[in-house]
All heavy atoms as atom14 arrays in JSON, in Angstrom:
{
  "sequence": "QRELAFIVLAAAGFTAPLLAGFIKFGRLPSYHTWISKASAVVIGVTAF",
  "atom14_mask": [
    [1, 1, 1, 1, 1, 1, 1, 1, 1, 0, 0, 0, 0, 0],
    [1, 1, 1, 1, 1, 1, 1, 1, 1, 1, 1, 0, 0, 0],
    [1, 1, 1, 1, 1, 1, 1, 1, 1, 0, 0, 0, 0, 0],
    [1, 1, 1, 1, 1, 1, 1, 1, 0, 0, 0, 0, 0, 0],
    [1, 1, 1, 1, 1, 0, 0, 0, 0, 0, 0, 0, 0, 0],
    [1, 1, 1, 1, 1, 1, 1, 1, 1, 1, 1, 0, 0, 0],
    [1, 1, 1, 1, 1, 1, 1, 1, 0, 0, 0, 0, 0, 0],
    [1, 1, 1, 1, 1, 1, 1, 0, 0, 0, 0, 0, 0, 0],
    [1, 1, 1, 1, 1, 1, 1, 1, 0, 0, 0, 0, 0, 0],
    [1, 1, 1, 1, 1, 0, 0, 0, 0, 0, 0, 0, 0, 0],
    [1, 1, 1, 1, 1, 0, 0, 0, 0, 0, 0, 0, 0, 0],
    [1, 1, 1, 1, 1, 0, 0, 0, 0, 0, 0, 0, 0, 0],
    [1, 1, 1, 1, 0, 0, 0, 0, 0, 0, 0, 0, 0, 0],
    [1, 1, 1, 1, 1, 1, 1, 1, 1, 1, 1, 0, 0, 0],
    [1, 1, 1, 1, 1, 1, 1, 0, 0, 0, 0, 0, 0, 0],
    [1, 1, 1, 1, 1, 0, 0, 0, 0, 0, 0, 0, 0, 0],
    [1, 1, 1, 1, 1, 1, 1, 0, 0, 0, 0, 0, 0, 0],
    [1, 1, 1, 1, 1, 1, 1, 1, 0, 0, 0, 0, 0, 0],
    [1, 1, 1, 1, 1, 1, 1, 1, 0, 0, 0, 0, 0, 0],
    [1, 1, 1, 1, 1, 0, 0, 0, 0, 0, 0, 0, 0, 0],
    [1, 1, 1, 1, 0, 0, 0, 0, 0, 0, 0, 0, 0, 0],
    [1, 1, 1, 1, 1, 1, 1, 1, 1, 1, 1, 0, 0, 0],
    [1, 1, 1, 1, 1, 1, 1, 1, 0, 0, 0, 0, 0, 0],
    [1, 1, 1, 1, 1, 1, 1, 1, 1, 0, 0, 0, 0, 0],
    [1, 1, 1, 1, 1, 1, 1, 1, 1, 1, 1, 0, 0, 0],
    [1, 1, 1, 1, 0, 0, 0, 0, 0, 0, 0, 0, 0, 0],
    [1, 1, 1, 1, 1, 1, 1, 1, 1, 1, 1, 0, 0, 0],
    [1, 1, 1, 1, 1, 1, 1, 1, 0, 0, 0, 0, 0, 0],
    [1, 1, 1, 1, 1, 1, 1, 0, 0, 0, 0, 0, 0, 0],
    [1, 1, 1, 1, 1, 1, 0, 0, 0, 0, 0, 0, 0, 0],
    [1, 1, 1, 1, 1, 1, 1, 1, 1, 1, 1, 1, 0, 0],
    [1, 1, 1, 1, 1, 1, 1, 1, 1, 1, 0, 0, 0, 0],
    [1, 1, 1, 1, 1, 1, 1, 0, 0, 0, 0, 0, 0, 0],
    [1, 1, 1, 1, 1, 1, 1, 1, 1, 1, 1, 1, 1, 1],
    [1, 1, 1, 1, 1, 1, 1, 1, 0, 0, 0, 0, 0, 0],
    [1, 1, 1, 1, 1, 1, 0, 0, 0, 0, 0, 0, 0, 0],
    [1, 1, 1, 1, 1, 1, 1, 1, 1, 0, 0, 0, 0, 0],
    [1, 1, 1, 1, 1, 0, 0, 0, 0, 0, 0, 0, 0, 0],
    [1, 1, 1, 1, 1, 1, 0, 0, 0, 0, 0, 0, 0, 0],
    [1, 1, 1, 1, 1, 0, 0, 0, 0, 0, 0, 0, 0, 0],
    [1, 1, 1, 1, 1, 1, 1, 0, 0, 0, 0, 0, 0, 0],
    [1, 1, 1, 1, 1, 1, 1, 0, 0, 0, 0, 0, 0, 0],
    [1, 1, 1, 1, 1, 1, 1, 1, 0, 0, 0, 0, 0, 0],
    [1, 1, 1, 1, 0, 0, 0, 0, 0, 0, 0, 0, 0, 0],
    [1, 1, 1, 1, 1, 1, 1, 0, 0, 0, 0, 0, 0, 0],
    [1, 1, 1, 1, 1, 1, 1, 0, 0, 0, 0, 0, 0, 0],
    [1, 1, 1, 1, 1, 0, 0, 0, 0, 0, 0, 0, 0, 0],
    [1, 1, 1, 1, 1, 1, 1, 1, 1, 1, 1, 0, 0, 0]
  ],
  "atom14_positions": [
    [[-18.28, -5.18, -2.9], [-18.51, -6.45, -2.23], [-17.95, -7.61, -3.05], [-17.36, -8.55, -2.5], [-20.0, -6.66, -1.98], [-20.31, -7.91, -1.16], [-21.79, -8.01, -0.82], [-22.59, -7.19, -1.26], [-22.14, -9.03, -0.06], [0.0, 0.0, 0.0], [0.0, 0.0, 0.0], [0.0, 0.0, 0.0], [0.0, 0.0, 0.0], [0.0, 0.0, 0.0]],
    [[-18.09, -7.53, -4.36], [-17.58, -8.59, -5.24], [-16.05, -8.65, -5.21], [-15.46, -9.72, -5.24], [-18.06, -8.34, -6.67], [-17.76, -9.48, -7.64], [-18.09, -9.05, -9.05], [-17.16, -8.03, -9.54], [-17.39, -7.26, -10.59], [-18.53, -7.35, -11.26], [-16.49, -6.39, -11.0], [0.0, 0.0, 0.0], [0.0, 0.0, 0.0], [0.0, 0.0, 0.0]],
    [[-15.41, -7.47, -5.14], [-13.95, -7.4, -5.17], [-13.36, -7.15, -3.78], [-12.21, -6.74, -3.67], [-13.52, -6.28, -6.12], [-14.02, -6.42, -7.53], [-13.48, -7.66, -8.22], [-12.31, -8.02, -7.97], [-14.23, -8.29, -9.01], [0.0, 0.0, 0.0], [0.0, 0.0, 0.0], [0.0, 0.0, 0.0], [0.0, 0.0, 0.0], [0.0, 0.0, 0.0]],
    [[-14.16, -7.41, -2.74], [-13.75, -7.02, -1.4], [-12.42, -7.64, -0.98], [-11.57, -6.98, -0.38], [-14.85, -7.41, -0.39], [-14.6, -6.97, 1.05], [-14.45, -5.46, 1.13], [-15.73, -7.45, 1.95], [0.0, 0.0, 0.0], [0.0, 0.0, 0.0], [0.0, 0.0, 0.0], [0.0, 0.0, 0.0], [0.0, 0.0, 0.0], [0.0, 0.0, 0.0]],
    [[-12.22, -8.91, -1.3], [-10.98, -9.58, -0.88], [-9.76, -8.88, -1.47], [-8.75, -8.67, -0.78], [-11.01, -11.05, -1.3], [0.0, 0.0, 0.0], [0.0, 0.0, 0.0], [0.0, 0.0, 0.0], [0.0, 0.0, 0.0], [0.0, 0.0, 0.0], [0.0, 0.0, 0.0], [0.0, 0.0, 0.0], [0.0, 0.0, 0.0], [0.0, 0.0, 0.0]],
    [[-9.85, -8.49, -2.74], [-8.71, -7.82, -3.39], [-8.52, -6.4, -2.86], [-7.4, -5.93, -2.7], [-8.92, -7.8, -4.91], [-8.85, -9.16, -5.54], [-10.01, -9.89, -5.77], [-7.63, -9.72, -5.89], [-9.96, -11.14, -6.35], [-7.57, -10.97, -6.48], [-8.73, -11.69, -6.7], [0.0, 0.0, 0.0], [0.0, 0.0, 0.0], [0.0, 0.0, 0.0]],
    [[-9.64, -5.71, -2.57], [-9.54, -4.35, -2.04], [-8.92, -4.36, -0.66], [-8.05, -3.54, -0.34], [-10.94, -3.7, -2.02], [-11.45, -3.49, -3.45], [-10.9, -2.37, -1.27], [-12.88, -3.01, -3.53], [0.0, 0.0, 0.0], [0.0, 0.0, 0.0], [0.0, 0.0, 0.0], [0.0, 0.0, 0.0], [0.0, 0.0, 0.0], [0.0, 0.0, 0.0]],
    [[-9.35, -5.3, 0.18], [-8.77, -5.42, 1.52], [-7.29, -5.76, 1.43], [-6.45, -5.22, 2.17], [-9.53, -6.47, 2.35], [-8.78, -6.78, 3.65], [-10.94, -5.99, 2.65], [0.0, 0.0, 0.0], [0.0, 0.0, 0.0], [0.0, 0.0, 0.0], [0.0, 0.0, 0.0], [0.0, 0.0, 0.0], [0.0, 0.0, 0.0], [0.0, 0.0, 0.0]],
    [[-6.94, -6.65, 0.51], [-5.54, -7.03, 0.34], [-4.7, -5.84, -0.12], [-3.57, -5.63, 0.37], [-5.44, -8.16, -0.69], [-4.06, -8.83, -0.86], [-3.57, -9.42, 0.45], [-4.14, -9.91, -1.94], [0.0, 0.0, 0.0], [0.0, 0.0, 0.0], [0.0, 0.0, 0.0], [0.0, 0.0, 0.0], [0.0, 0.0, 0.0], [0.0, 0.0, 0.0]],
    [[-5.24, -5.03, -1.04], [-4.51, -3.85, -1.5], [-4.34, -2.84, -0.37], [-3.25, -2.27, -0.19], [-5.26, -3.21, -2.67], [0.0, 0.0, 0.0], [0.0, 0.0, 0.0], [0.0, 0.0, 0.0], [0.0, 0.0, 0.0], [0.0, 0.0, 0.0], [0.0, 0.0, 0.0], [0.0, 0.0, 0.0], [0.0, 0.0, 0.0], [0.0, 0.0, 0.0]],
    [[-5.41, -2.62, 0.41], [-5.32, -1.67, 1.52], [-4.33, -2.14, 2.57], [-3.53, -1.36, 3.11], [-6.7, -1.46, 2.15], [0.0, 0.0, 0.0], [0.0, 0.0, 0.0], [0.0, 0.0, 0.0], [0.0, 0.0, 0.0], [0.0, 0.0, 0.0], [0.0, 0.0, 0.0], [0.0, 0.0, 0.0], [0.0, 0.0, 0.0], [0.0, 0.0, 0.0]],
    [[-4.35, -3.45, 2.86], [-3.4, -4.0, 3.83], [-1.97, -3.91, 3.31], [-1.03, -3.63, 4.06], [-3.76, -5.45, 4.14], [0.0, 0.0, 0.0], [0.0, 0.0, 0.0], [0.0, 0.0, 0.0], [0.0, 0.0, 0.0], [0.0, 0.0, 0.0], [0.0, 0.0, 0.0], [0.0, 0.0, 0.0], [0.0, 0.0, 0.0], [0.0, 0.0, 0.0]],
    [[-1.81, -4.14, 1.99], [-0.49, -4.05, 1.4], [0.1, -2.66, 1.46], [1.32, -2.49, 1.45], [0.0, 0.0, 0.0], [0.0, 0.0, 0.0], [0.0, 0.0, 0.0], [0.0, 0.0, 0.0], [0.0, 0.0, 0.0], [0.0, 0.0, 0.0], [0.0, 0.0, 0.0], [0.0, 0.0, 0.0], [0.0, 0.0, 0.0], [0.0, 0.0, 0.0]],
    [[-0.76, -1.66, 1.55], [-0.27, -0.29, 1.67], [-0.06, 0.12, 3.12], [0.95, 0.75, 3.46], [-1.23, 0.67, 0.98], [-0.76, 2.1, 1.03], [0.22, 2.56, 0.16], [-1.28, 2.98, 1.96], [0.68, 3.87, 0.23], [-0.84, 4.29, 2.04], [0.14, 4.74, 1.16], [0.0, 0.0, 0.0], [0.0, 0.0, 0.0], [0.0, 0.0, 0.0]],
    [[-1.02, -0.21, 3.99], [-0.97, 0.29, 5.36], [-0.07, -0.53, 6.28], [0.55, 0.02, 7.2], [-2.39, 0.35, 5.96], [-2.98, -0.96, 5.89], [-3.26, 1.33, 5.2], [0.0, 0.0, 0.0], [0.0, 0.0, 0.0], [0.0, 0.0, 0.0], [0.0, 0.0, 0.0], [0.0, 0.0, 0.0], [0.0, 0.0, 0.0], [0.0, 0.0, 0.0]],
    [[0.0, -1.84, 6.06], [0.78, -2.69, 6.97], [2.27, -2.32, 6.99], [2.87, -2.25, 8.08], [0.59, -4.17, 6.61], [0.0, 0.0, 0.0], [0.0, 0.0, 0.0], [0.0, 0.0, 0.0], [0.0, 0.0, 0.0], [0.0, 0.0, 0.0], [0.0, 0.0, 0.0], [0.0, 0.0, 0.0], [0.0, 0.0, 0.0], [0.0, 0.0, 0.0]],
    [[2.92, -2.07, 5.84], [4.33, -1.65, 5.9], [4.5, -0.31, 6.61], [5.52, -0.09, 7.29], [4.73, -1.55, 4.42], [3.8, -2.44, 3.7], [2.5, -2.32, 4.44], [0.0, 0.0, 0.0], [0.0, 0.0, 0.0], [0.0, 0.0, 0.0], [0.0, 0.0, 0.0], [0.0, 0.0, 0.0], [0.0, 0.0, 0.0], [0.0, 0.0, 0.0]],
    [[3.53, 0.6, 6.47], [3.6, 1.86, 7.19], [3.55, 1.63, 8.69], [4.3, 2.24, 9.46], [2.45, 2.78, 6.77], [2.47, 3.31, 5.33], [1.24, 4.18, 5.08], [3.73, 4.12, 5.07], [0.0, 0.0, 0.0], [0.0, 0.0, 0.0], [0.0, 0.0, 0.0], [0.0, 0.0, 0.0], [0.0, 0.0, 0.0], [0.0, 0.0, 0.0]],
    [[2.66, 0.73, 9.1], [2.54, 0.42, 10.52], [3.81, -0.22, 11.06], [4.28, 0.12, 12.15], [1.34, -0.51, 10.75], [1.08, -0.94, 12.2], [0.81, 0.28, 13.07], [-0.1, -1.92, 12.26], [0.0, 0.0, 0.0], [0.0, 0.0, 0.0], [0.0, 0.0, 0.0], [0.0, 0.0, 0.0], [0.0, 0.0, 0.0], [0.0, 0.0, 0.0]],
    [[4.39, -1.14, 10.27], [5.63, -1.79, 10.7], [6.76, -0.78, 10.86], [7.53, -0.83, 11.83], [6.02, -2.87, 9.68], [0.0, 0.0, 0.0], [0.0, 0.0, 0.0], [0.0, 0.0, 0.0], [0.0, 0.0, 0.0], [0.0, 0.0, 0.0], [0.0, 0.0, 0.0], [0.0, 0.0, 0.0], [0.0, 0.0, 0.0], [0.0, 0.0, 0.0]],
    [[6.86, 0.16, 9.9], [7.88, 1.19, 10.0], [7.65, 2.11, 11.18], [8.6, 2.51, 11.87], [0.0, 0.0, 0.0], [0.0, 0.0, 0.0], [0.0, 0.0, 0.0], [0.0, 0.0, 0.0], [0.0, 0.0, 0.0], [0.0, 0.0, 0.0], [0.0, 0.0, 0.0], [0.0, 0.0, 0.0], [0.0, 0.0, 0.0], [0.0, 0.0, 0.0]],
    [[6.4, 2.43, 11.46], [6.1, 3.31, 12.59], [6.43, 2.62, 13.91], [6.94, 3.26, 14.84], [4.62, 3.69, 12.56], [4.24, 4.73, 13.57], [4.47, 6.07, 13.31], [3.68, 4.37, 14.79], [4.13, 7.04, 14.25], [3.34, 5.33, 15.72], [3.56, 6.67, 15.46], [0.0, 0.0, 0.0], [0.0, 0.0, 0.0], [0.0, 0.0, 0.0]],
    [[6.16, 1.33, 14.0], [6.47, 0.59, 15.23], [7.98, 0.56, 15.46], [8.45, 0.74, 16.59], [5.9, -0.83, 15.15], [4.37, -0.79, 15.2], [6.44, -1.71, 16.27], [3.71, -2.13, 14.98], [0.0, 0.0, 0.0], [0.0, 0.0, 0.0], [0.0, 0.0, 0.0], [0.0, 0.0, 0.0], [0.0, 0.0, 0.0], [0.0, 0.0, 0.0]],
    [[8.76, 0.36, 14.41], [10.21, 0.24, 14.56], [10.89, 1.6, 14.76], [11.77, 1.72, 15.62], [10.82, -0.46, 13.35], [12.34, -0.63, 13.46], [12.91, -1.48, 12.35], [14.43, -1.63, 12.53], [15.04, -2.49, 11.48], [0.0, 0.0, 0.0], [0.0, 0.0, 0.0], [0.0, 0.0, 0.0], [0.0, 0.0, 0.0], [0.0, 0.0, 0.0]],
    [[10.48, 2.6, 13.97], [11.21, 3.86, 13.96], [10.48, 5.0, 14.68], [11.06, 6.06, 14.88], [11.5, 4.3, 12.52], [12.27, 3.3, 11.72], [11.74, 2.74, 10.56], [13.54, 2.89, 12.12], [12.45, 1.82, 9.82], [14.25, 1.96, 11.38], [13.71, 1.43, 10.24], [0.0, 0.0, 0.0], [0.0, 0.0, 0.0], [0.0, 0.0, 0.0]],
    [[9.2, 4.8, 15.01], [8.44, 5.86, 15.66], [7.97, 6.94, 14.7], [7.53, 8.0, 15.12], [0.0, 0.0, 0.0], [0.0, 0.0, 0.0], [0.0, 0.0, 0.0], [0.0, 0.0, 0.0], [0.0, 0.0, 0.0], [0.0, 0.0, 0.0], [0.0, 0.0, 0.0], [0.0, 0.0, 0.0], [0.0, 0.0, 0.0], [0.0, 0.0, 0.0]],
    [[8.04, 6.68, 13.4], [7.56, 7.62, 12.38], [7.25, 6.82, 11.12], [7.78, 5.73, 10.92], [8.62, 8.69, 12.1], [9.93, 8.12, 11.68], [11.1, 9.09, 11.87], [11.02, 10.25, 10.99], [12.03, 11.08, 10.81], [13.18, 10.89, 11.44], [11.91, 12.11, 10.01], [0.0, 0.0, 0.0], [0.0, 0.0, 0.0], [0.0, 0.0, 0.0]],
    [[6.38, 7.37, 10.29], [6.0, 6.67, 9.08], [7.18, 6.55, 8.13], [7.91, 7.52, 7.91], [4.86, 7.4, 8.37], [3.48, 7.37, 9.03], [2.49, 8.14, 8.17], [3.0, 5.95, 9.24], [0.0, 0.0, 0.0], [0.0, 0.0, 0.0], [0.0, 0.0, 0.0], [0.0, 0.0, 0.0], [0.0, 0.0, 0.0], [0.0, 0.0, 0.0]],
    [[7.39, 5.39, 7.54], [8.45, 5.25, 6.53], [8.07, 5.97, 5.25], [6.89, 6.09, 4.92], [8.54, 3.73, 6.31], [7.18, 3.22, 6.66], [6.68, 4.12, 7.77], [0.0, 0.0, 0.0], [0.0, 0.0, 0.0], [0.0, 0.0, 0.0], [0.0, 0.0, 0.0], [0.0, 0.0, 0.0], [0.0, 0.0, 0.0], [0.0, 0.0, 0.0]],
    [[9.09, 6.45, 4.55], [8.88, 7.15, 3.27], [9.9, 6.64, 2.27], [10.75, 7.39, 1.8], [9.02, 8.67, 3.46], [8.1, 9.16, 4.41], [0.0, 0.0, 0.0], [0.0, 0.0, 0.0], [0.0, 0.0, 0.0], [0.0, 0.0, 0.0], [0.0, 0.0, 0.0], [0.0, 0.0, 0.0], [0.0, 0.0, 0.0], [0.0, 0.0, 0.0]],
    [[9.81, 5.35, 1.95], [10.83, 4.74, 1.11], [10.69, 5.14, -0.35], [11.67, 5.28, -1.06], [10.77, 3.21, 1.24], [10.96, 2.7, 2.64], [10.18, 1.66, 3.15], [11.92, 3.26, 3.47], [10.35, 1.2, 4.43], [12.1, 2.8, 4.77], [11.3, 1.77, 5.24], [11.47, 1.32, 6.52], [0.0, 0.0, 0.0], [0.0, 0.0, 0.0]],
    [[9.45, 5.28, -0.82], [9.2, 5.6, -2.23], [9.96, 4.64, -3.15], [10.69, 5.06, -4.05], [9.59, 7.04, -2.54], [8.8, 8.05, -1.78], [9.37, 9.02, -0.98], [7.46, 8.23, -1.66], [8.44, 9.76, -0.41], [7.27, 9.3, -0.81], [0.0, 0.0, 0.0], [0.0, 0.0, 0.0], [0.0, 0.0, 0.0], [0.0, 0.0, 0.0]],
    [[9.8, 3.37, -2.9], [10.5, 2.38, -3.72], [9.97, 2.42, -5.15], [8.85, 2.84, -5.41], [10.32, 0.96, -3.15], [8.93, 0.63, -3.18], [10.82, 0.88, -1.72], [0.0, 0.0, 0.0], [0.0, 0.0, 0.0], [0.0, 0.0, 0.0], [0.0, 0.0, 0.0], [0.0, 0.0, 0.0], [0.0, 0.0, 0.0], [0.0, 0.0, 0.0]],
    [[10.81, 1.95, -6.05], [10.42, 1.94, -7.45], [9.17, 1.1, -7.69], [8.26, 1.5, -8.41], [11.58, 1.44, -8.31], [12.73, 2.4, -8.35], [12.67, 3.76, -8.16], [14.1, 2.08, -8.59], [13.92, 4.3, -8.26], [14.82, 3.31, -8.53], [14.8, 0.91, -8.85], [16.2, 3.39, -8.73], [16.17, 0.98, -9.06], [16.86, 2.2, -8.99]],
    [[9.11, -0.07, -7.05], [7.96, -0.95, -7.28], [6.7, -0.38, -6.64], [5.6, -0.54, -7.18], [8.25, -2.38, -6.79], [7.13, -3.34, -7.23], [8.43, -2.42, -5.29], [7.43, -4.78, -6.92], [0.0, 0.0, 0.0], [0.0, 0.0, 0.0], [0.0, 0.0, 0.0], [0.0, 0.0, 0.0], [0.0, 0.0, 0.0], [0.0, 0.0, 0.0]],
    [[6.83, 0.3, -5.51], [5.64, 0.86, -4.87], [5.08, 2.02, -5.69], [3.86, 2.2, -5.79], [5.97, 1.33, -3.45], [6.83, 2.45, -3.46], [0.0, 0.0, 0.0], [0.0, 0.0, 0.0], [0.0, 0.0, 0.0], [0.0, 0.0, 0.0], [0.0, 0.0, 0.0], [0.0, 0.0, 0.0], [0.0, 0.0, 0.0], [0.0, 0.0, 0.0]],
    [[5.96, 2.82, -6.3], [5.49, 3.91, -7.15], [4.79, 3.35, -8.38], [3.76, 3.87, -8.82], [6.66, 4.81, -7.53], [7.17, 5.65, -6.37], [8.27, 6.61, -6.79], [9.6, 5.91, -6.95], [10.7, 6.88, -7.18], [0.0, 0.0, 0.0], [0.0, 0.0, 0.0], [0.0, 0.0, 0.0], [0.0, 0.0, 0.0], [0.0, 0.0, 0.0]],
    [[5.34, 2.29, -8.94], [4.71, 1.67, -10.1], [3.35, 1.09, -9.73], [2.36, 1.24, -10.46], [5.62, 0.58, -10.66], [0.0, 0.0, 0.0], [0.0, 0.0, 0.0], [0.0, 0.0, 0.0], [0.0, 0.0, 0.0], [0.0, 0.0, 0.0], [0.0, 0.0, 0.0], [0.0, 0.0, 0.0], [0.0, 0.0, 0.0], [0.0, 0.0, 0.0]],
    [[3.27, 0.42, -8.58], [2.01, -0.19, -8.17], [0.94, 0.85, -7.89], [-0.25, 0.63, -8.16], [2.23, -1.08, -6.94], [2.56, -0.31, -5.81], [0.0, 0.0, 0.0], [0.0, 0.0, 0.0], [0.0, 0.0, 0.0], [0.0, 0.0, 0.0], [0.0, 0.0, 0.0], [0.0, 0.0, 0.0], [0.0, 0.0, 0.0], [0.0, 0.0, 0.0]],
    [[1.34, 2.01, -7.35], [0.37, 3.08, -7.08], [-0.28, 3.56, -8.38], [-1.49, 3.77, -8.45], [1.05, 4.24, -6.37], [0.0, 0.0, 0.0], [0.0, 0.0, 0.0], [0.0, 0.0, 0.0], [0.0, 0.0, 0.0], [0.0, 0.0, 0.0], [0.0, 0.0, 0.0], [0.0, 0.0, 0.0], [0.0, 0.0, 0.0], [0.0, 0.0, 0.0]],
    [[0.54, 3.72, -9.42], [0.01, 4.14, -10.72], [-0.91, 3.07, -11.3], [-2.02, 3.36, -11.75], [1.16, 4.44, -11.69], [0.61, 4.71, -13.09], [1.99, 5.63, -11.21], [0.0, 0.0, 0.0], [0.0, 0.0, 0.0], [0.0, 0.0, 0.0], [0.0, 0.0, 0.0], [0.0, 0.0, 0.0], [0.0, 0.0, 0.0], [0.0, 0.0, 0.0]],
    [[-0.45, 1.83, -11.26], [-1.21, 0.74, -11.87], [-2.53, 0.53, -11.15], [-3.58, 0.33, -11.79], [-0.36, -0.55, -11.87], [-1.2, -1.73, -12.37], [0.86, -0.38, -12.76], [0.0, 0.0, 0.0], [0.0, 0.0, 0.0], [0.0, 0.0, 0.0], [0.0, 0.0, 0.0], [0.0, 0.0, 0.0], [0.0, 0.0, 0.0], [0.0, 0.0, 0.0]],
    [[-2.52, 0.58, -9.82], [-3.76, 0.39, -9.08], [-4.74, 1.52, -9.38], [-5.95, 1.29, -9.53], [-3.47, 0.28, -7.57], [-2.95, -1.12, -7.24], [-4.72, 0.58, -6.75], [-2.76, -1.4, -5.77], [0.0, 0.0, 0.0], [0.0, 0.0, 0.0], [0.0, 0.0, 0.0], [0.0, 0.0, 0.0], [0.0, 0.0, 0.0], [0.0, 0.0, 0.0]],
    [[-4.24, 2.75, -9.46], [-5.12, 3.86, -9.77], [-5.78, 3.71, -11.13], [-7.0, 3.89, -11.28], [0.0, 0.0, 0.0], [0.0, 0.0, 0.0], [0.0, 0.0, 0.0], [0.0, 0.0, 0.0], [0.0, 0.0, 0.0], [0.0, 0.0, 0.0], [0.0, 0.0, 0.0], [0.0, 0.0, 0.0], [0.0, 0.0, 0.0], [0.0, 0.0, 0.0]],
    [[-5.0, 3.35, -12.14], [-5.53, 3.19, -13.49], [-6.51, 2.03, -13.56], [-7.62, 2.14, -14.12], [-4.4, 2.99, -14.51], [-4.95, 2.64, -15.88], [-3.54, 4.25, -14.6], [0.0, 0.0, 0.0], [0.0, 0.0, 0.0], [0.0, 0.0, 0.0], [0.0, 0.0, 0.0], [0.0, 0.0, 0.0], [0.0, 0.0, 0.0], [0.0, 0.0, 0.0]],
    [[-6.14, 0.9, -12.98], [-7.0, -0.29, -13.05], [-8.26, -0.13, -12.2], [-9.28, -0.76, -12.49], [-6.23, -1.55, -12.61], [-5.7, -1.36, -11.28], [-5.09, -1.84, -13.57], [0.0, 0.0, 0.0], [0.0, 0.0, 0.0], [0.0, 0.0, 0.0], [0.0, 0.0, 0.0], [0.0, 0.0, 0.0], [0.0, 0.0, 0.0], [0.0, 0.0, 0.0]],
    [[-8.2, 0.71, -11.17], [-9.41, 0.99, -10.39], [-10.44, 1.71, -11.26], [-11.65, 1.42, -11.18], [-9.07, 1.81, -9.16], [0.0, 0.0, 0.0], [0.0, 0.0, 0.0], [0.0, 0.0, 0.0], [0.0, 0.0, 0.0], [0.0, 0.0, 0.0], [0.0, 0.0, 0.0], [0.0, 0.0, 0.0], [0.0, 0.0, 0.0], [0.0, 0.0, 0.0]],
    [[-9.97, 2.64, -12.09], [-10.88, 3.31, -13.03], [-11.46, 2.3, -14.02], [-12.64, 2.35, -14.35], [-10.14, 4.42, -13.77], [-10.14, 5.73, -13.05], [-9.11, 6.06, -12.22], [-11.19, 6.61, -13.19], [-9.1, 7.27, -11.53], [-11.21, 7.82, -12.52], [-10.15, 8.16, -11.69], [0.0, 0.0, 0.0], [0.0, 0.0, 0.0], [0.0, 0.0, 0.0]]
  ]
}
């Protein structure tokens, strides 16, 4: 509850691009960009 705004922002930052890609291409995007891979690691570590 204390970190809700940041958690919602992180979840939206992950799901919204997937939704945009699905709307345009009819399938989930799988870009695996360098910055997204880095952010996944950092968010996982900082969540702990």
